[in-house]
Amino acid sequence: QVQLVESGGGLVQAGGSLRLSCAASGLTFSSYTMGWFRQVPGKEREVVSYIPGSGGIVYYADSVKGRFTMSRDNTKNTVYLQMNSLKPEDTAVYYCASASLNGVTTPRNYNYWGQGTQVTVSS
């Protein structure tokens, strides 16, 4: 079965950095768009970034442009989210997810989800 396992979350001060990883198994990894989403209690899950299966142009939400970088290593079935210049408003549970379609930003278009990793940015 498909498994997505996130790691790398934690507590960091504002202005600091974290690198999230998501290891995938049970799917033909390079055939899937991979996305990072985040969610805070009481709010809808929102897209942070996504990258097509073969790499290429990466999408970023306006709120993270210039601070976050998403990448993938298809030889390791892993995607990464490098988060720099973190702000308290970046505090959320971060999820990785896979989609068989490209160019999708809504959660309902993603088939599989990880369990999430907490990122907390203190001011």
C-alpha atoms as a PDB file:
ATOM      1  CA  GLN A   1       0.000   0.000   0.000  1.00  0.00           C
ATOM      2  CA  VAL A   2       1.012   3.591  -0.444  1.00  0.00           C
ATOM      3  CA  GLN A   3       2.789   5.238   2.441  1.00  0.00           C
ATOM      4  CA  LEU A   4       3.963   8.801   2.795  1.00  0.00           C
ATOM      5  CA  VAL A   5       6.028   9.559   5.874  1.00  0.00           C
ATOM      6  CA  GLU A   6       6.962  13.116   6.804  1.00  0.00           C
ATOM      7  CA  SER A   7       9.823  14.081   9.070  1.00  0.00           C
ATOM      8  CA  GLY A   8      11.793  17.147  10.061  1.00  0.00           C
ATOM      9  CA  GLY A   9       9.229  19.218  11.896  1.00  0.00           C
ATOM     10  CA  GLY A  10       9.923  20.880  15.208  1.00  0.00           C
ATOM     11  CA  LEU A  11      10.168  24.102  17.157  1.00  0.00           C
ATOM     12  CA  VAL A  12      12.208  26.969  15.753  1.00  0.00           C
ATOM     13  CA  GLN A  13      12.531  30.678  16.436  1.00  0.00           C
ATOM     14  CA  ALA A  14      11.299  33.230  13.952  1.00  0.00           C
ATOM     15  CA  GLY A  15      13.877  33.742  11.226  1.00  0.00           C
ATOM     16  CA  GLY A  16      15.145  30.202  11.537  1.00  0.00           C
ATOM     17  CA  SER A  17      15.046  27.288   9.122  1.00  0.00           C
ATOM     18  CA  LEU A  18      13.714  23.759   8.954  1.00  0.00           C
ATOM     19  CA  ARG A  19      13.872  21.087   6.296  1.00  0.00           C
ATOM     20  CA  LEU A  20      10.958  18.711   5.932  1.00  0.00           C
ATOM     21  CA  SER A  21      11.247  15.372   4.174  1.00  0.00           C
ATOM     22  CA  CYS A  22       8.592  13.032   2.865  1.00  0.00           C
ATOM     23  CA  ALA A  23       9.524   9.468   1.981  1.00  0.00           C
ATOM     24  CA  ALA A  24       7.121   7.622  -0.298  1.00  0.00           C
ATOM     25  CA  SER A  25       6.614   3.928  -0.917  1.00  0.00           C
ATOM     26  CA  GLY A  26       4.118   1.761  -2.747  1.00  0.00           C
ATOM     27  CA  LEU A  27       3.705   4.002  -5.780  1.00  0.00           C
ATOM     28  CA  THR A  28       5.529   4.802  -9.003  1.00  0.00           C
ATOM     29  CA  PHE A  29       6.947   7.925  -7.455  1.00  0.00           C
ATOM     30  CA  SER A  30       8.075   9.748 -10.580  1.00  0.00           C
ATOM     31  CA  SER A  31       4.562   9.500 -12.030  1.00  0.00           C
ATOM     32  CA  TYR A  32       3.019  11.575  -9.258  1.00  0.00           C
ATOM     33  CA  THR A  33       2.855  15.238  -8.522  1.00  0.00           C
ATOM     34  CA  MET A  34       3.862  15.741  -4.912  1.00  0.00           C
ATOM     35  CA  GLY A  35       2.506  18.518  -2.779  1.00  0.00           C
ATOM     36  CA  TRP A  36       3.095  20.071   0.618  1.00  0.00           C
ATOM     37  CA  PHE A  37       0.063  21.351   2.498  1.00  0.00           C
ATOM     38  CA  ARG A  38      -0.396  22.853   5.920  1.00  0.00           C
ATOM     39  CA  GLN A  39      -3.250  23.205   8.329  1.00  0.00           C
ATOM     40  CA  VAL A  40      -3.920  25.035  11.561  1.00  0.00           C
ATOM     41  CA  PRO A  41      -6.829  24.209  13.871  1.00  0.00           C
ATOM     42  CA  GLY A  42     -10.084  25.702  12.684  1.00  0.00           C
ATOM     43  CA  LYS A  43      -8.808  26.468   9.209  1.00  0.00           C
ATOM     44  CA  GLU A  44      -8.892  24.610   5.927  1.00  0.00           C
ATOM     45  CA  ARG A  45      -5.880  22.737   4.697  1.00  0.00           C
ATOM     46  CA  GLU A  46      -3.967  24.938   2.255  1.00  0.00           C
ATOM     47  CA  VAL A  47      -1.398  24.203  -0.391  1.00  0.00           C
ATOM     48  CA  VAL A  48       2.136  25.369   0.262  1.00  0.00           C
ATOM     49  CA  SER A  49       3.905  24.000  -2.790  1.00  0.00           C
ATOM     50  CA  TYR A  50       3.795  21.259  -5.381  1.00  0.00           C
ATOM     51  CA  ILE A  51       6.229  19.760  -7.850  1.00  0.00           C
ATOM     52  CA  PRO A  52       5.461  17.690 -10.961  1.00  0.00           C
ATOM     53  CA  GLY A  53       6.531  14.059 -11.154  1.00  0.00           C
ATOM     54  CA  SER A  54       9.481  14.724 -13.419  1.00  0.00           C
ATOM     55  CA  GLY A  55      10.508  17.850 -11.548  1.00  0.00           C
ATOM     56  CA  GLY A  56      10.438  21.116 -13.427  1.00  0.00           C
ATOM     57  CA  ILE A  57       8.441  24.173 -12.502  1.00  0.00           C
ATOM     58  CA  VAL A  58       7.486  24.249  -8.852  1.00  0.00           C
ATOM     59  CA  TYR A  59       4.395  26.034  -7.589  1.00  0.00           C
ATOM     60  CA  TYR A  60       4.508  28.094  -4.405  1.00  0.00           C
ATOM     61  CA  ALA A  61       1.779  29.813  -2.482  1.00  0.00           C
ATOM     62  CA  ASP A  62       2.292  33.560  -2.352  1.00  0.00           C
ATOM     63  CA  SER A  63       2.773  33.400   1.400  1.00  0.00           C
ATOM     64  CA  VAL A  64       5.937  31.292   1.084  1.00  0.00           C
ATOM     65  CA  LYS A  65       7.475  32.492  -2.177  1.00  0.00           C
ATOM     66  CA  GLY A  66      11.108  33.412  -1.790  1.00  0.00           C
ATOM     67  CA  ARG A  67      11.370  31.649   1.583  1.00  0.00           C
ATOM     68  CA  PHE A  68      10.495  27.999   0.888  1.00  0.00           C
ATOM     69  CA  THR A  69      12.025  25.667  -1.680  1.00  0.00           C
ATOM     70  CA  MET A  70      10.510  22.346  -2.680  1.00  0.00           C
ATOM     71  CA  SER A  71      12.529  19.655  -4.392  1.00  0.00           C
ATOM     72  CA  ARG A  72      12.361  15.962  -5.117  1.00  0.00           C
ATOM     73  CA  ASP A  73      14.776  13.102  -5.548  1.00  0.00           C
ATOM     74  CA  ASN A  74      13.139  10.395  -7.636  1.00  0.00           C
ATOM     75  CA  THR A  75      16.013   8.011  -6.957  1.00  0.00           C
ATOM     76  CA  LYS A  76      15.130   8.142  -3.258  1.00  0.00           C
ATOM     77  CA  ASN A  77      11.333   8.500  -3.614  1.00  0.00           C
ATOM     78  CA  THR A  78      11.563  11.564  -1.425  1.00  0.00           C
ATOM     79  CA  VAL A  79      10.442  15.162  -1.545  1.00  0.00           C
ATOM     80  CA  TYR A  80      11.806  17.992   0.548  1.00  0.00           C
ATOM     81  CA  LEU A  81      10.635  21.367   1.733  1.00  0.00           C
ATOM     82  CA  GLN A  82      13.391  23.734   2.764  1.00  0.00           C
ATOM     83  CA  MET A  83      11.839  26.471   4.877  1.00  0.00           C
ATOM     84  CA  ASN A  84      13.873  29.585   5.559  1.00  0.00           C
ATOM     85  CA  SER A  85      13.070  32.890   7.247  1.00  0.00           C
ATOM     86  CA  LEU A  86      10.274  31.210   9.134  1.00  0.00           C
ATOM     87  CA  LYS A  87       7.524  33.328  10.628  1.00  0.00           C
ATOM     88  CA  PRO A  88       5.091  32.595  13.470  1.00  0.00           C
ATOM     89  CA  GLU A  89       2.302  32.439  10.895  1.00  0.00           C
ATOM     90  CA  ASP A  90       4.031  29.423   9.334  1.00  0.00           C
ATOM     91  CA  THR A  91       3.108  27.433  12.436  1.00  0.00           C
ATOM     92  CA  ALA A  92       0.963  24.490  11.327  1.00  0.00           C
ATOM     93  CA  VAL A  93       0.875  20.768  10.756  1.00  0.00           C
ATOM     94  CA  TYR A  94       2.569  20.118   7.437  1.00  0.00           C
ATOM     95  CA  TYR A  95       1.429  17.260   5.219  1.00  0.00           C
ATOM     96  CA  CYS A  96       2.821  15.795   2.051  1.00  0.00           C
ATOM     97  CA  ALA A  97       0.479  14.298  -0.503  1.00  0.00           C
ATOM     98  CA  SER A  98       0.526  12.720  -3.945  1.00  0.00           C
ATOM     99  CA  ALA A  99      -1.646  13.417  -6.965  1.00  0.00           C
ATOM    100  CA  SER A 100      -1.959  11.648 -10.290  1.00  0.00           C
ATOM    101  CA  LEU A 101      -2.810  14.972 -11.907  1.00  0.00           C
ATOM    102  CA  ASN A 102      -0.468  17.895 -12.407  1.00  0.00           C
ATOM    103  CA  GLY A 103      -1.210  21.514 -11.702  1.00  0.00           C
ATOM    104  CA  VAL A 104      -3.596  20.858  -8.813  1.00  0.00           C
ATOM    105  CA  THR A 105      -3.706  22.861  -5.621  1.00  0.00           C
ATOM    106  CA  THR A 106      -6.865  21.632  -3.927  1.00  0.00           C
ATOM    107  CA  PRO A 107      -6.618  18.848  -1.349  1.00  0.00           C
ATOM    108  CA  ARG A 108      -9.441  16.823  -2.901  1.00  0.00           C
ATOM    109  CA  ASN A 109      -7.269  16.221  -5.973  1.00  0.00           C
ATOM    110  CA  TYR A 110      -4.607  14.473  -3.924  1.00  0.00           C
ATOM    111  CA  ASN A 111      -4.961  10.734  -3.492  1.00  0.00           C
ATOM    112  CA  TYR A 112      -2.608   9.851  -0.660  1.00  0.00           C
ATOM    113  CA  TRP A 113      -1.522  11.714   2.452  1.00  0.00           C
ATOM    114  CA  GLY A 114       1.097  11.443   5.115  1.00  0.00           C
ATOM    115  CA  GLN A 115       0.351  11.688   8.797  1.00  0.00           C
ATOM    116  CA  GLY A 116       1.693  15.215   9.129  1.00  0.00           C
ATOM    117  CA  THR A 117       4.525  16.834  11.038  1.00  0.00           C
ATOM    118  CA  GLN A 118       4.179  19.784  13.394  1.00  0.00           C
ATOM    119  CA  VAL A 119       6.091  22.971  12.696  1.00  0.00           C
ATOM    120  CA  THR A 120       6.036  25.598  15.419  1.00  0.00           C
ATOM    121  CA  VAL A 121       7.679  28.984  14.963  1.00  0.00           C
ATOM    122  CA  SER A 122       8.081  31.075  18.083  1.00  0.00           C
ATOM    123  CA  SER A 123       8.254  34.848  18.012  1.00  0.00           C
END
